[in-house]
Structure formats: C-alpha cells, structure tokens
N, C-alpha and C. Protein backbone atom coordinates (compact mmCIF):
# COMPACT_ATOMS: atom_id res chain seq x y z
N MET A 1 -60.84 67.29 -10.85
CA MET A 1 -60.01 66.10 -10.74
C MET A 1 -60.42 65.03 -11.75
N ILE A 2 -61.72 64.80 -11.89
CA ILE A 2 -62.19 63.77 -12.82
C ILE A 2 -61.83 64.13 -14.26
N LEU A 3 -61.97 65.40 -14.61
CA LEU A 3 -61.66 65.82 -15.98
C LEU A 3 -60.18 65.60 -16.30
N SER A 4 -59.31 65.83 -15.34
CA SER A 4 -57.88 65.59 -15.59
C SER A 4 -57.60 64.09 -15.76
N GLU A 5 -58.33 63.24 -15.05
CA GLU A 5 -58.17 61.79 -15.23
C GLU A 5 -58.63 61.37 -16.62
N ILE A 6 -59.76 61.92 -17.06
CA ILE A 6 -60.27 61.62 -18.41
C ILE A 6 -59.23 62.04 -19.45
N THR A 7 -58.68 63.22 -19.26
CA THR A 7 -57.66 63.73 -20.18
C THR A 7 -56.43 62.84 -20.18
N ASP A 8 -55.94 62.49 -18.99
CA ASP A 8 -54.75 61.65 -18.88
C ASP A 8 -54.94 60.29 -19.53
N VAL A 9 -56.09 59.68 -19.27
CA VAL A 9 -56.32 58.31 -19.74
C VAL A 9 -56.68 58.26 -21.22
N PHE A 10 -57.57 59.14 -21.66
CA PHE A 10 -58.10 59.01 -23.01
C PHE A 10 -57.62 60.07 -23.99
N TYR A 11 -57.62 61.32 -23.62
CA TYR A 11 -57.29 62.35 -24.60
C TYR A 11 -55.80 62.39 -24.92
N ASN A 12 -54.95 62.09 -23.95
CA ASN A 12 -53.51 62.12 -24.19
C ASN A 12 -53.03 60.93 -25.02
N ASP A 13 -53.86 59.92 -25.19
CA ASP A 13 -53.56 58.77 -26.04
C ASP A 13 -54.16 59.06 -27.42
N SER A 14 -53.32 59.09 -28.44
CA SER A 14 -53.79 59.51 -29.76
C SER A 14 -54.93 58.65 -30.30
N LEU A 15 -54.95 57.35 -29.97
CA LEU A 15 -56.05 56.50 -30.45
C LEU A 15 -57.36 56.87 -29.77
N TRP A 16 -57.34 56.98 -28.45
CA TRP A 16 -58.58 57.28 -27.73
C TRP A 16 -59.01 58.72 -27.95
N ARG A 17 -58.08 59.60 -28.30
CA ARG A 17 -58.43 61.00 -28.60
C ARG A 17 -59.44 61.05 -29.75
N TYR A 18 -59.29 60.14 -30.70
CA TYR A 18 -60.22 60.08 -31.83
C TYR A 18 -61.66 59.89 -31.33
N LEU A 19 -61.84 59.02 -30.34
CA LEU A 19 -63.17 58.78 -29.78
C LEU A 19 -63.67 60.01 -29.02
N ILE A 20 -62.81 60.61 -28.22
CA ILE A 20 -63.21 61.79 -27.44
C ILE A 20 -63.60 62.93 -28.38
N THR A 21 -62.84 63.15 -29.44
CA THR A 21 -63.20 64.21 -30.39
C THR A 21 -64.49 63.86 -31.14
N SER A 22 -64.71 62.58 -31.41
CA SER A 22 -65.97 62.16 -32.04
C SER A 22 -67.15 62.44 -31.11
N LEU A 23 -66.96 62.19 -29.82
CA LEU A 23 -67.99 62.50 -28.83
C LEU A 23 -68.31 63.99 -28.83
N LEU A 24 -67.26 64.80 -28.82
CA LEU A 24 -67.45 66.25 -28.78
C LEU A 24 -68.12 66.78 -30.04
N LYS A 25 -67.87 66.13 -31.18
CA LYS A 25 -68.54 66.54 -32.42
C LYS A 25 -70.04 66.25 -32.35
N ILE A 26 -70.40 65.15 -31.70
CA ILE A 26 -71.82 64.80 -31.56
C ILE A 26 -72.50 65.72 -30.56
N ASN A 27 -71.84 65.96 -29.43
CA ASN A 27 -72.42 66.78 -28.37
C ASN A 27 -71.29 67.46 -27.61
N HIS A 28 -71.24 68.77 -27.69
CA HIS A 28 -70.15 69.50 -27.03
C HIS A 28 -70.19 69.38 -25.51
N LEU A 29 -71.27 68.85 -24.96
CA LEU A 29 -71.38 68.65 -23.51
C LEU A 29 -71.06 67.20 -23.10
N SER A 30 -70.62 66.39 -24.04
CA SER A 30 -70.40 64.97 -23.74
C SER A 30 -69.33 64.74 -22.67
N LEU A 31 -68.31 65.58 -22.62
CA LEU A 31 -67.31 65.41 -21.56
C LEU A 31 -67.91 65.68 -20.18
N GLU A 32 -68.82 66.64 -20.13
CA GLU A 32 -69.52 66.91 -18.86
C GLU A 32 -70.37 65.70 -18.47
N GLU A 33 -71.01 65.09 -19.46
CA GLU A 33 -71.80 63.88 -19.20
C GLU A 33 -70.91 62.74 -18.70
N LEU A 34 -69.76 62.57 -19.33
CA LEU A 34 -68.83 61.53 -18.90
C LEU A 34 -68.34 61.81 -17.49
N LYS A 35 -68.03 63.06 -17.22
CA LYS A 35 -67.59 63.46 -15.88
C LYS A 35 -68.67 63.14 -14.85
N GLU A 36 -69.91 63.46 -15.16
CA GLU A 36 -71.04 63.19 -14.26
C GLU A 36 -71.25 61.68 -14.09
N PHE A 37 -71.11 60.94 -15.18
CA PHE A 37 -71.23 59.48 -15.14
C PHE A 37 -70.21 58.88 -14.18
N LEU A 38 -68.98 59.35 -14.26
CA LEU A 38 -67.93 58.85 -13.38
C LEU A 38 -68.14 59.29 -11.93
N LYS A 39 -68.62 60.51 -11.77
CA LYS A 39 -68.83 61.05 -10.42
C LYS A 39 -69.94 60.32 -9.68
N THR A 40 -71.01 59.97 -10.40
CA THR A 40 -72.18 59.35 -9.76
C THR A 40 -72.11 57.83 -9.72
N SER A 41 -71.08 57.26 -10.30
CA SER A 41 -70.95 55.79 -10.28
C SER A 41 -69.78 55.41 -9.37
N SER A 42 -69.60 54.13 -9.23
CA SER A 42 -68.48 53.65 -8.41
C SER A 42 -67.22 53.42 -9.24
N TYR A 43 -67.27 53.77 -10.52
CA TYR A 43 -66.12 53.56 -11.41
C TYR A 43 -65.02 54.58 -11.11
N LYS A 44 -63.81 54.10 -11.09
CA LYS A 44 -62.64 54.96 -10.89
C LYS A 44 -61.64 54.67 -12.00
N LEU A 45 -61.11 55.72 -12.59
CA LEU A 45 -60.12 55.53 -13.65
C LEU A 45 -58.72 55.39 -13.08
N LYS A 46 -58.45 56.12 -12.04
CA LYS A 46 -57.09 56.17 -11.48
C LYS A 46 -56.68 54.82 -10.89
N GLY A 47 -55.50 54.37 -11.28
CA GLY A 47 -54.92 53.17 -10.69
C GLY A 47 -55.48 51.85 -11.19
N ASN A 48 -56.27 51.86 -12.22
CA ASN A 48 -56.81 50.61 -12.77
C ASN A 48 -56.18 50.32 -14.13
N SER A 49 -56.38 49.09 -14.60
CA SER A 49 -55.80 48.66 -15.88
C SER A 49 -56.47 49.38 -17.05
N LEU A 50 -55.79 49.38 -18.18
CA LEU A 50 -56.35 49.97 -19.39
C LEU A 50 -57.65 49.28 -19.76
N GLU A 51 -57.70 47.96 -19.62
CA GLU A 51 -58.91 47.22 -19.96
C GLU A 51 -60.09 47.68 -19.09
N TYR A 52 -59.86 47.87 -17.81
CA TYR A 52 -60.91 48.35 -16.91
C TYR A 52 -61.36 49.75 -17.32
N LYS A 53 -60.41 50.64 -17.56
CA LYS A 53 -60.73 52.02 -17.93
C LYS A 53 -61.54 52.06 -19.22
N CYS A 54 -61.14 51.24 -20.17
CA CYS A 54 -61.84 51.21 -21.46
C CYS A 54 -63.22 50.57 -21.32
N SER A 55 -63.37 49.62 -20.41
CA SER A 55 -64.70 49.03 -20.19
C SER A 55 -65.64 50.04 -19.54
N VAL A 56 -65.11 50.91 -18.69
CA VAL A 56 -65.92 51.99 -18.11
C VAL A 56 -66.38 52.93 -19.22
N LEU A 57 -65.46 53.31 -20.10
CA LEU A 57 -65.81 54.18 -21.22
C LEU A 57 -66.83 53.49 -22.13
N ASP A 58 -66.67 52.19 -22.34
CA ASP A 58 -67.62 51.43 -23.15
C ASP A 58 -69.02 51.46 -22.54
N LYS A 59 -69.11 51.32 -21.23
CA LYS A 59 -70.42 51.38 -20.55
C LYS A 59 -71.06 52.75 -20.74
N PHE A 60 -70.27 53.80 -20.64
CA PHE A 60 -70.78 55.16 -20.85
C PHE A 60 -71.29 55.32 -22.28
N ILE A 61 -70.51 54.87 -23.25
CA ILE A 61 -70.90 54.99 -24.66
C ILE A 61 -72.18 54.20 -24.93
N LYS A 62 -72.27 52.98 -24.40
CA LYS A 62 -73.48 52.16 -24.59
C LYS A 62 -74.71 52.89 -24.08
N GLU A 63 -74.57 53.52 -22.94
CA GLU A 63 -75.69 54.19 -22.29
C GLU A 63 -76.07 55.51 -22.96
N HIS A 64 -75.07 56.28 -23.40
CA HIS A 64 -75.33 57.64 -23.88
C HIS A 64 -75.16 57.85 -25.39
N TYR A 65 -74.26 57.12 -26.01
CA TYR A 65 -73.96 57.32 -27.43
C TYR A 65 -73.78 55.98 -28.14
N PRO A 66 -74.83 55.17 -28.21
CA PRO A 66 -74.70 53.81 -28.77
C PRO A 66 -74.21 53.77 -30.21
N THR A 67 -74.37 54.84 -30.96
CA THR A 67 -73.88 54.83 -32.35
C THR A 67 -72.35 54.76 -32.41
N LEU A 68 -71.69 55.09 -31.32
CA LEU A 68 -70.22 55.04 -31.29
C LEU A 68 -69.67 53.70 -30.80
N MET A 69 -70.55 52.75 -30.48
CA MET A 69 -70.08 51.46 -29.96
C MET A 69 -69.12 50.74 -30.91
N PRO A 70 -69.36 50.71 -32.23
CA PRO A 70 -68.38 50.06 -33.11
C PRO A 70 -67.00 50.72 -33.05
N LEU A 71 -66.97 52.03 -32.90
CA LEU A 71 -65.70 52.73 -32.79
C LEU A 71 -64.96 52.34 -31.51
N VAL A 72 -65.69 52.19 -30.41
CA VAL A 72 -65.07 51.73 -29.16
C VAL A 72 -64.48 50.33 -29.37
N THR A 73 -65.22 49.47 -30.06
CA THR A 73 -64.73 48.11 -30.34
C THR A 73 -63.44 48.17 -31.15
N GLU A 74 -63.43 49.01 -32.16
CA GLU A 74 -62.23 49.14 -33.00
C GLU A 74 -61.03 49.60 -32.16
N LEU A 75 -61.22 50.62 -31.36
CA LEU A 75 -60.13 51.13 -30.53
C LEU A 75 -59.70 50.12 -29.48
N TRP A 76 -60.66 49.38 -28.96
CA TRP A 76 -60.39 48.32 -27.97
C TRP A 76 -59.40 47.32 -28.56
N LEU A 77 -59.69 46.87 -29.78
CA LEU A 77 -58.84 45.86 -30.42
C LEU A 77 -57.50 46.41 -30.86
N ILE A 78 -57.48 47.62 -31.38
CA ILE A 78 -56.22 48.24 -31.80
C ILE A 78 -55.28 48.40 -30.61
N ASN A 79 -55.85 48.63 -29.43
CA ASN A 79 -55.04 48.76 -28.22
C ASN A 79 -54.57 47.41 -27.68
N GLY A 80 -54.94 46.33 -28.34
CA GLY A 80 -54.46 45.01 -27.93
C GLY A 80 -55.27 44.39 -26.81
N LEU A 81 -56.48 44.89 -26.59
CA LEU A 81 -57.33 44.31 -25.55
C LEU A 81 -58.06 43.08 -26.10
N SER A 82 -58.59 42.27 -25.24
CA SER A 82 -59.12 40.95 -25.57
C SER A 82 -60.33 40.99 -26.51
N THR A 83 -60.36 40.01 -27.41
CA THR A 83 -61.54 39.81 -28.25
C THR A 83 -62.60 39.01 -27.49
N ASN A 84 -62.26 38.53 -26.31
CA ASN A 84 -63.16 37.69 -25.52
C ASN A 84 -63.80 38.41 -24.34
N LYS A 85 -63.60 39.72 -24.24
CA LYS A 85 -64.15 40.49 -23.12
C LYS A 85 -64.63 41.84 -23.61
N GLY A 86 -65.52 42.43 -22.84
CA GLY A 86 -65.92 43.82 -23.06
C GLY A 86 -66.30 44.12 -24.49
N ALA A 87 -65.82 45.26 -24.97
CA ALA A 87 -66.13 45.70 -26.33
C ALA A 87 -65.59 44.73 -27.39
N GLY A 88 -64.57 43.96 -27.05
CA GLY A 88 -64.00 43.00 -27.99
C GLY A 88 -64.98 41.92 -28.41
N LEU A 89 -65.98 41.67 -27.57
CA LEU A 89 -66.99 40.65 -27.89
C LEU A 89 -67.84 41.05 -29.10
N ARG A 90 -67.86 42.33 -29.43
CA ARG A 90 -68.66 42.79 -30.57
C ARG A 90 -67.95 42.59 -31.91
N ALA A 91 -66.69 42.21 -31.89
CA ALA A 91 -65.96 41.93 -33.13
C ALA A 91 -66.34 40.54 -33.62
N HIS A 92 -66.36 40.37 -34.92
CA HIS A 92 -66.75 39.09 -35.52
C HIS A 92 -65.52 38.41 -36.11
N ARG A 93 -65.30 37.17 -35.72
CA ARG A 93 -64.18 36.41 -36.29
C ARG A 93 -64.58 35.99 -37.70
N TRP A 94 -63.69 36.21 -38.65
CA TRP A 94 -63.94 35.86 -40.04
C TRP A 94 -63.32 34.51 -40.33
N LYS A 95 -64.10 33.65 -40.97
CA LYS A 95 -63.59 32.34 -41.39
C LYS A 95 -63.82 32.20 -42.89
N GLN A 96 -62.82 31.66 -43.56
CA GLN A 96 -62.93 31.46 -44.99
C GLN A 96 -63.85 30.27 -45.24
N CYS A 97 -64.98 30.55 -45.83
CA CYS A 97 -65.91 29.48 -46.19
C CYS A 97 -66.85 30.02 -47.27
N GLU A 98 -67.57 29.11 -47.87
CA GLU A 98 -68.51 29.50 -48.91
C GLU A 98 -69.58 30.39 -48.30
N GLY A 99 -69.86 31.49 -48.95
CA GLY A 99 -70.89 32.41 -48.47
C GLY A 99 -70.39 33.43 -47.46
N ALA A 100 -69.12 33.36 -47.10
CA ALA A 100 -68.57 34.34 -46.15
C ALA A 100 -68.45 35.70 -46.84
N ILE A 101 -68.55 36.75 -46.05
CA ILE A 101 -68.38 38.07 -46.63
C ILE A 101 -66.94 38.22 -47.11
N GLU A 102 -66.76 39.05 -48.13
CA GLU A 102 -65.43 39.22 -48.71
C GLU A 102 -64.51 39.94 -47.73
N ASN A 103 -63.34 39.38 -47.55
CA ASN A 103 -62.34 39.95 -46.65
C ASN A 103 -61.25 40.61 -47.50
N PRO A 104 -61.18 41.94 -47.53
CA PRO A 104 -60.22 42.62 -48.40
C PRO A 104 -58.76 42.49 -47.97
N ILE A 105 -58.50 42.02 -46.76
CA ILE A 105 -57.10 41.88 -46.33
C ILE A 105 -56.66 40.42 -46.23
N PHE A 106 -57.54 39.50 -46.63
CA PHE A 106 -57.21 38.08 -46.57
C PHE A 106 -56.10 37.73 -47.54
N ASP A 107 -55.13 36.99 -47.05
CA ASP A 107 -54.03 36.50 -47.87
C ASP A 107 -53.93 34.99 -47.64
N PRO A 108 -54.30 34.16 -48.63
CA PRO A 108 -54.28 32.71 -48.44
C PRO A 108 -52.88 32.15 -48.15
N GLN A 109 -51.84 32.92 -48.45
CA GLN A 109 -50.47 32.48 -48.17
C GLN A 109 -50.11 32.61 -46.69
N LYS A 110 -50.87 33.40 -45.97
CA LYS A 110 -50.58 33.63 -44.55
C LYS A 110 -51.44 32.70 -43.69
N ARG A 111 -50.98 31.50 -43.53
CA ARG A 111 -51.73 30.51 -42.74
C ARG A 111 -51.71 30.83 -41.25
N GLU A 112 -50.75 31.64 -40.82
CA GLU A 112 -50.65 31.97 -39.40
C GLU A 112 -51.53 33.16 -39.01
N SER A 113 -52.30 33.67 -39.96
CA SER A 113 -53.15 34.84 -39.67
C SER A 113 -54.59 34.44 -39.41
N HIS A 114 -55.24 35.21 -38.56
CA HIS A 114 -56.69 35.11 -38.43
C HIS A 114 -57.24 36.53 -38.42
N TYR A 115 -58.53 36.65 -38.71
CA TYR A 115 -59.11 37.95 -39.03
C TYR A 115 -60.38 38.20 -38.22
N TYR A 116 -60.60 39.47 -37.92
CA TYR A 116 -61.83 39.93 -37.28
C TYR A 116 -62.34 41.12 -38.06
N HIS A 117 -63.65 41.34 -37.98
CA HIS A 117 -64.21 42.55 -38.57
C HIS A 117 -65.22 43.15 -37.61
N ILE A 118 -65.38 44.44 -37.74
CA ILE A 118 -66.34 45.20 -36.94
C ILE A 118 -67.26 45.90 -37.93
N ASP A 119 -68.55 45.70 -37.76
CA ASP A 119 -69.52 46.30 -38.67
C ASP A 119 -69.96 47.66 -38.16
N PHE A 120 -69.90 48.65 -39.05
CA PHE A 120 -70.34 50.00 -38.74
C PHE A 120 -71.65 50.34 -39.45
N GLY A 121 -72.29 49.35 -40.01
CA GLY A 121 -73.54 49.57 -40.74
C GLY A 121 -73.29 49.65 -42.23
N GLY A 122 -74.22 49.09 -43.00
CA GLY A 122 -74.05 49.08 -44.44
C GLY A 122 -72.82 48.28 -44.83
N GLN A 123 -72.05 48.81 -45.74
CA GLN A 123 -70.82 48.14 -46.18
C GLN A 123 -69.59 48.63 -45.42
N ASN A 124 -69.80 49.47 -44.42
CA ASN A 124 -68.68 50.01 -43.65
C ASN A 124 -68.20 49.01 -42.61
N ARG A 125 -67.00 48.53 -42.82
CA ARG A 125 -66.40 47.56 -41.90
C ARG A 125 -64.94 47.93 -41.66
N THR A 126 -64.49 47.58 -40.49
CA THR A 126 -63.07 47.64 -40.20
C THR A 126 -62.58 46.20 -40.12
N TRP A 127 -61.46 45.93 -40.76
CA TRP A 127 -60.86 44.59 -40.77
C TRP A 127 -59.56 44.61 -40.00
N LEU A 128 -59.33 43.55 -39.22
CA LEU A 128 -58.11 43.43 -38.43
C LEU A 128 -57.49 42.06 -38.67
N GLU A 129 -56.19 42.05 -38.87
CA GLU A 129 -55.46 40.80 -39.05
C GLU A 129 -54.57 40.58 -37.83
N TYR A 130 -54.64 39.38 -37.29
CA TYR A 130 -53.80 38.98 -36.16
C TYR A 130 -52.89 37.85 -36.60
N ASN A 131 -51.69 37.79 -36.05
CA ASN A 131 -50.74 36.74 -36.36
C ASN A 131 -50.76 35.72 -35.23
N LYS A 132 -51.19 34.50 -35.54
CA LYS A 132 -51.31 33.43 -34.52
C LYS A 132 -49.96 32.98 -33.99
N SER A 133 -48.92 33.02 -34.82
CA SER A 133 -47.64 32.47 -34.40
C SER A 133 -46.86 33.41 -33.48
N GLU A 134 -47.19 34.69 -33.51
CA GLU A 134 -46.54 35.64 -32.62
C GLU A 134 -47.44 35.83 -31.41
N ASN A 135 -46.85 35.89 -30.25
CA ASN A 135 -47.64 36.07 -29.04
C ASN A 135 -47.91 37.56 -28.85
N GLN A 136 -48.80 38.07 -29.64
CA GLN A 136 -49.14 39.48 -29.54
C GLN A 136 -50.65 39.63 -29.60
N TYR A 137 -51.12 40.67 -28.99
CA TYR A 137 -52.55 40.88 -28.94
C TYR A 137 -53.00 42.02 -29.83
N ARG A 138 -52.06 42.82 -30.28
CA ARG A 138 -52.42 43.90 -31.20
C ARG A 138 -52.48 43.35 -32.62
N PRO A 139 -53.40 43.87 -33.41
CA PRO A 139 -53.45 43.42 -34.81
C PRO A 139 -52.19 43.84 -35.55
N VAL A 140 -51.79 43.02 -36.52
CA VAL A 140 -50.61 43.33 -37.32
C VAL A 140 -50.97 44.19 -38.53
N ARG A 141 -52.25 44.17 -38.88
CA ARG A 141 -52.71 44.99 -40.01
C ARG A 141 -54.16 45.37 -39.77
N ILE A 142 -54.51 46.57 -40.22
CA ILE A 142 -55.88 47.05 -40.06
C ILE A 142 -56.30 47.81 -41.30
N LEU A 143 -57.54 47.59 -41.69
CA LEU A 143 -58.15 48.37 -42.77
C LEU A 143 -59.38 49.00 -42.15
N SER A 144 -59.29 50.28 -41.86
CA SER A 144 -60.35 50.98 -41.14
C SER A 144 -60.98 52.05 -42.02
N HIS A 145 -62.30 52.08 -42.04
CA HIS A 145 -62.96 53.16 -42.77
C HIS A 145 -62.91 54.46 -41.96
N ASN A 146 -62.42 54.40 -40.72
CA ASN A 146 -62.27 55.60 -39.88
C ASN A 146 -60.91 56.26 -40.05
N ALA A 147 -60.04 55.67 -40.83
CA ALA A 147 -58.69 56.19 -41.06
C ALA A 147 -57.86 56.23 -39.78
N ILE A 148 -58.12 55.29 -38.86
CA ILE A 148 -57.32 55.19 -37.64
C ILE A 148 -56.07 54.38 -37.98
N LYS A 149 -54.95 54.84 -37.52
CA LYS A 149 -53.68 54.18 -37.81
C LYS A 149 -53.20 53.40 -36.59
N LEU A 150 -52.50 52.30 -36.84
CA LEU A 150 -51.86 51.55 -35.75
C LEU A 150 -50.75 52.40 -35.15
N LYS A 151 -50.53 52.21 -33.86
CA LYS A 151 -49.44 52.94 -33.20
C LYS A 151 -48.11 52.45 -33.73
C-alpha cells in the first residue's frame, strides 16, 4: 500500500520522478528505505496537501540522502511551493547590488521580476525568476543545471 502511494504522489509526477530516479541511481534500495521511513513514522501521504507530502519527502532526503537536498529545493519551487517554508527556505533570494553573484537570467528591463538561486556546490546553481505582478507561485523562467523543465 505504501509503495503505491509513493508511486501515485511522486513517480507519476514527471518532476518528482526525476528525484525518485536520482534516488534509485544512488541506491537501488532507496524506495525500500522510503517505504520503511513512512511505515515507522507518523507521516501519511494519502489525503494531505502537496506541500505536506513534499515536506515528508524532504525530511527523508535530509536524513538519508543529504546530497540531494538542493534538488528537493529546486523541485519544491518549480512545483510552486513556498519560498518561506520547508525546502523553499534553502533557496537564496538574489538582489542586484555590488558584489552580488552574477545572475545569468537577470533582465534590468523586467522590474516586476525577482530571482532566487539554489546552490548545488561549486559553480552549479539553478536560477528561478518569479513575476511579482502576477499572482503566481511557480517561477516564470528557470535555468537549471539539472535540465529540469517547467511543466
């Protein structure tokens, strides 16, 4: 039953499938570990919000596969979840100022945009652009070194 919930929630969604396949590449038993994590904890996937389900997955990743935490953050934001909660807190808001890191998607003509980046170590970063004037939570543009595409 738990494995079918994991499949329904994460694997059937093309964005989260990327994370699940990354887990399996690291350890072919990772789904069994996730299943055991869910079985022995009070976390339930069924009937809860996407944010709750993703925060459960984030807790599992933090505990068992911390190298994948930036990827969880990226997927969290691409799915339109909050930058002020859970994995979204690991994203860094970019501000144009002297000494700021170079933002490859910055457009000075777009005053209604704001930007976040997620560090994957070294020079590997994912950049996300949000439009302040539109009431939307999903980024309008993304530059990802993981080659993840917006839905």
